[in-house]
C-alpha atoms as a PDB file:
ATOM      1  CA  GLN A   1      20.657   6.919  27.327  1.00  0.00           C
ATOM      2  CA  VAL A   2      19.066   6.950  23.887  1.00  0.00           C
ATOM      3  CA  GLN A   3      15.630   8.323  23.100  1.00  0.00           C
ATOM      4  CA  LEU A   4      13.699   7.391  19.973  1.00  0.00           C
ATOM      5  CA  VAL A   5      10.571   9.112  18.679  1.00  0.00           C
ATOM      6  CA  GLU A   6       8.685   7.687  15.717  1.00  0.00           C
ATOM      7  CA  SER A   7       6.268   9.658  13.585  1.00  0.00           C
ATOM      8  CA  GLY A   8       4.644   9.581  10.170  1.00  0.00           C
ATOM      9  CA  GLY A   9       2.089   6.848  10.592  1.00  0.00           C
ATOM     10  CA  GLY A  10      -1.489   7.173   9.509  1.00  0.00           C
ATOM     11  CA  LEU A  11      -4.303   5.766   7.418  1.00  0.00           C
ATOM     12  CA  VAL A  12      -3.651   5.098   3.741  1.00  0.00           C
ATOM     13  CA  ARG A  13      -5.351   3.239   0.930  1.00  0.00           C
ATOM     14  CA  PRO A  14      -3.834   0.053  -0.487  1.00  0.00           C
ATOM     15  CA  GLY A  15      -1.130   0.982  -2.955  1.00  0.00           C
ATOM     16  CA  GLY A  16      -0.414   4.228  -1.165  1.00  0.00           C
ATOM     17  CA  SER A  17       2.757   5.434   0.507  1.00  0.00           C
ATOM     18  CA  LEU A  18       3.937   6.656   3.882  1.00  0.00           C
ATOM     19  CA  ARG A  19       7.304   7.760   5.201  1.00  0.00           C
ATOM     20  CA  LEU A  20       8.044   6.981   8.817  1.00  0.00           C
ATOM     21  CA  SER A  21      10.647   8.937  10.756  1.00  0.00           C
ATOM     22  CA  CYS A  22      12.508   8.056  13.919  1.00  0.00           C
ATOM     23  CA  VAL A  23      14.498  10.833  15.558  1.00  0.00           C
ATOM     24  CA  VAL A  24      17.375   9.591  17.699  1.00  0.00           C
ATOM     25  CA  SER A  25      18.608  11.719  20.589  1.00  0.00           C
ATOM     26  CA  GLY A  26      20.611  11.373  23.763  1.00  0.00           C
ATOM     27  CA  SER A  27      23.766   9.286  23.897  1.00  0.00           C
ATOM     28  CA  ILE A  28      23.886   8.464  20.217  1.00  0.00           C
ATOM     29  CA  GLY A  29      27.634   8.328  19.723  1.00  0.00           C
ATOM     30  CA  SER A  30      27.799   4.559  20.017  1.00  0.00           C
ATOM     31  CA  ILE A  31      24.716   3.906  17.869  1.00  0.00           C
ATOM     32  CA  ASN A  32      25.694   2.511  14.495  1.00  0.00           C
ATOM     33  CA  THR A  33      22.868   0.111  13.707  1.00  0.00           C
ATOM     34  CA  MET A  34      19.139   0.712  13.326  1.00  0.00           C
ATOM     35  CA  GLY A  35      16.098  -1.436  12.822  1.00  0.00           C
ATOM     36  CA  TRP A  36      12.439  -0.990  12.029  1.00  0.00           C
ATOM     37  CA  PHE A  37       9.988  -3.471  13.505  1.00  0.00           C
ATOM     38  CA  ARG A  38       6.237  -3.838  13.379  1.00  0.00           C
ATOM     39  CA  GLN A  39       3.708  -5.490  15.629  1.00  0.00           C
ATOM     40  CA  VAL A  40       0.066  -6.436  15.322  1.00  0.00           C
ATOM     41  CA  LEU A  41      -1.926  -6.752  18.543  1.00  0.00           C
ATOM     42  CA  GLY A  42      -1.640 -10.288  19.836  1.00  0.00           C
ATOM     43  CA  GLU A  43       1.289 -11.158  17.600  1.00  0.00           C
ATOM     44  CA  GLU A  44       5.051 -11.038  17.935  1.00  0.00           C
ATOM     45  CA  ARG A  45       7.026  -7.967  17.015  1.00  0.00           C
ATOM     46  CA  GLU A  46       8.718  -8.691  13.708  1.00  0.00           C
ATOM     47  CA  LEU A  47      11.744  -7.240  12.002  1.00  0.00           C
ATOM     48  CA  VAL A  48      11.050  -5.168   8.895  1.00  0.00           C
ATOM     49  CA  ALA A  49      14.322  -3.538   7.861  1.00  0.00           C
ATOM     50  CA  THR A  50      17.800  -2.844   9.223  1.00  0.00           C
ATOM     51  CA  LEU A  51      20.875  -0.733   8.682  1.00  0.00           C
ATOM     52  CA  ASP A  52      24.207  -2.198   9.700  1.00  0.00           C
ATOM     53  CA  SER A  53      27.252  -0.294  10.922  1.00  0.00           C
ATOM     54  CA  GLU A  54      28.258   0.490   7.347  1.00  0.00           C
ATOM     55  CA  ASP A  55      24.811   1.862   6.473  1.00  0.00           C
ATOM     56  CA  ARG A  56      23.892  -1.152   4.394  1.00  0.00           C
ATOM     57  CA  PRO A  57      20.174  -1.923   4.274  1.00  0.00           C
ATOM     58  CA  LYS A  58      18.523  -5.287   4.617  1.00  0.00           C
ATOM     59  CA  TYR A  59      14.835  -6.073   4.281  1.00  0.00           C
ATOM     60  CA  GLN A  60      12.413  -8.712   5.364  1.00  0.00           C
ATOM     61  CA  SER A  61      11.207 -10.563   2.296  1.00  0.00           C
ATOM     62  CA  ASP A  62       7.620  -9.333   2.548  1.00  0.00           C
ATOM     63  CA  VAL A  63       8.673  -5.686   2.168  1.00  0.00           C
ATOM     64  CA  ARG A  64      11.689  -5.994  -0.101  1.00  0.00           C
ATOM     65  CA  GLY A  65      11.232  -3.845  -3.176  1.00  0.00           C
ATOM     66  CA  ARG A  66       8.512  -1.767  -1.520  1.00  0.00           C
ATOM     67  CA  PHE A  67      10.188  -0.311   1.595  1.00  0.00           C
ATOM     68  CA  THR A  68      13.416   1.661   1.904  1.00  0.00           C
ATOM     69  CA  ILE A  69      15.325   2.295   5.128  1.00  0.00           C
ATOM     70  CA  SER A  70      17.777   5.184   5.270  1.00  0.00           C
ATOM     71  CA  TRP A  71      19.742   7.245   7.794  1.00  0.00           C
ATOM     72  CA  ASP A  72      20.290  11.002   7.772  1.00  0.00           C
ATOM     73  CA  ASN A  73      23.393  11.901   9.775  1.00  0.00           C
ATOM     74  CA  ALA A  74      22.593  15.602   9.802  1.00  0.00           C
ATOM     75  CA  LYS A  75      19.182  15.037  11.358  1.00  0.00           C
ATOM     76  CA  ASN A  76      19.959  11.949  13.457  1.00  0.00           C
ATOM     77  CA  THR A  77      16.919  10.373  11.892  1.00  0.00           C
ATOM     78  CA  VAL A  78      16.198   6.996  10.396  1.00  0.00           C
ATOM     79  CA  TYR A  79      13.436   6.782   7.810  1.00  0.00           C
ATOM     80  CA  LEU A  80      11.274   4.025   6.477  1.00  0.00           C
ATOM     81  CA  GLN A  81       9.791   4.894   3.113  1.00  0.00           C
ATOM     82  CA  MET A  82       6.861   2.568   2.492  1.00  0.00           C
ATOM     83  CA  ASN A  83       5.435   2.276  -1.006  1.00  0.00           C
ATOM     84  CA  SER A  84       2.812   0.001  -2.538  1.00  0.00           C
ATOM     85  CA  LEU A  85       1.304  -0.541   0.880  1.00  0.00           C
ATOM     86  CA  LYS A  86      -0.874  -3.565   1.505  1.00  0.00           C
ATOM     87  CA  PRO A  87      -3.478  -4.240   4.194  1.00  0.00           C
ATOM     88  CA  GLU A  88      -1.120  -6.784   5.733  1.00  0.00           C
ATOM     89  CA  ASP A  89       1.347  -3.951   6.391  1.00  0.00           C
ATOM     90  CA  THR A  90      -1.072  -2.631   9.017  1.00  0.00           C
ATOM     91  CA  ALA A  91       0.726  -2.594  12.361  1.00  0.00           C
ATOM     92  CA  VAL A  92       2.377  -0.406  14.940  1.00  0.00           C
ATOM     93  CA  TYR A  93       5.859   0.374  13.670  1.00  0.00           C
ATOM     94  CA  TYR A  94       8.771   0.751  16.077  1.00  0.00           C
ATOM     95  CA  CYS A  95      12.360   1.807  15.583  1.00  0.00           C
ATOM     96  CA  ASN A  96      15.219   0.208  17.463  1.00  0.00           C
ATOM     97  CA  ALA A  97      18.701   1.627  17.920  1.00  0.00           C
ATOM     98  CA  GLY A  98      21.984  -0.107  18.541  1.00  0.00           C
ATOM     99  CA  GLY A  99      20.992  -3.701  18.004  1.00  0.00           C
ATOM    100  CA  THR A 100      23.492  -6.405  17.224  1.00  0.00           C
ATOM    101  CA  TYR A 101      23.840  -7.166  13.550  1.00  0.00           C
ATOM    102  CA  ASN A 102      25.086 -10.608  12.608  1.00  0.00           C
ATOM    103  CA  SER A 103      26.931 -10.134   9.343  1.00  0.00           C
ATOM    104  CA  LEU A 104      27.129 -13.872   8.743  1.00  0.00           C
ATOM    105  CA  THR A 105      23.405 -14.526   8.926  1.00  0.00           C
ATOM    106  CA  GLY A 106      22.082 -11.045   8.239  1.00  0.00           C
ATOM    107  CA  SER A 107      20.080 -11.162  11.468  1.00  0.00           C
ATOM    108  CA  TYR A 108      19.445  -8.149  13.690  1.00  0.00           C
ATOM    109  CA  TYR A 109      19.086  -8.691  17.434  1.00  0.00           C
ATOM    110  CA  ALA A 110      17.166  -5.825  18.972  1.00  0.00           C
ATOM    111  CA  SER A 111      18.543  -3.716  21.766  1.00  0.00           C
ATOM    112  CA  THR A 112      16.441  -2.349  24.601  1.00  0.00           C
ATOM    113  CA  ASN A 113      16.318   1.059  22.873  1.00  0.00           C
ATOM    114  CA  TRP A 114      12.787   1.348  21.455  1.00  0.00           C
ATOM    115  CA  GLY A 115      10.586   4.193  20.384  1.00  0.00           C
ATOM    116  CA  GLN A 116       6.935   4.492  21.376  1.00  0.00           C
ATOM    117  CA  GLY A 117       5.658   3.302  18.017  1.00  0.00           C
ATOM    118  CA  THR A 118       3.532   4.832  15.292  1.00  0.00           C
ATOM    119  CA  GLN A 119       0.363   3.278  13.886  1.00  0.00           C
ATOM    120  CA  VAL A 120       0.154   2.436  10.203  1.00  0.00           C
ATOM    121  CA  THR A 121      -3.239   1.399   8.869  1.00  0.00           C
ATOM    122  CA  VAL A 122      -3.723   0.327   5.264  1.00  0.00           C
ATOM    123  CA  SER A 123      -7.379   0.009   4.400  1.00  0.00           C
ATOM    124  CA  SER A 124      -9.813   0.820   1.629  1.00  0.00           C
END
C-alpha cells in the first residue's frame, strides 16, 4: 500500500510562487511514475504534470514554462514548483503515484493512489 501526503499549498498573489511537496511512503518499490493533478469544486480533476518511468517530465499546456515537476529519490518526494502563478491556477492539488504512462500519446492514466490534496489559492 502506498501513502501520499501533499503539503506546501497556501495563498499567494498573482505572479508569486509556491512549491508543493508530496511525500511517498509504504510500498513504493514498484512506483516509477508520478502525476500532479488539480481540481476546482464542481469541476473535473485535471492533469497538471507527470514524470514517466525514466524521470522525464511532461506538462499540461496551461502550466508549461511556469511549473516544474521533479522527484527526489533520497526523500521519496515529488515536487511541483509553481512560478508566475495566475488566479486560474487556484485549485486543490493532488499527487498520484504509479499511474500508467502512455509513451505514444504522452497521456497519464491515474492510479488509485492519491494524496489528500493541498489548497492553492492565487488572489490579489
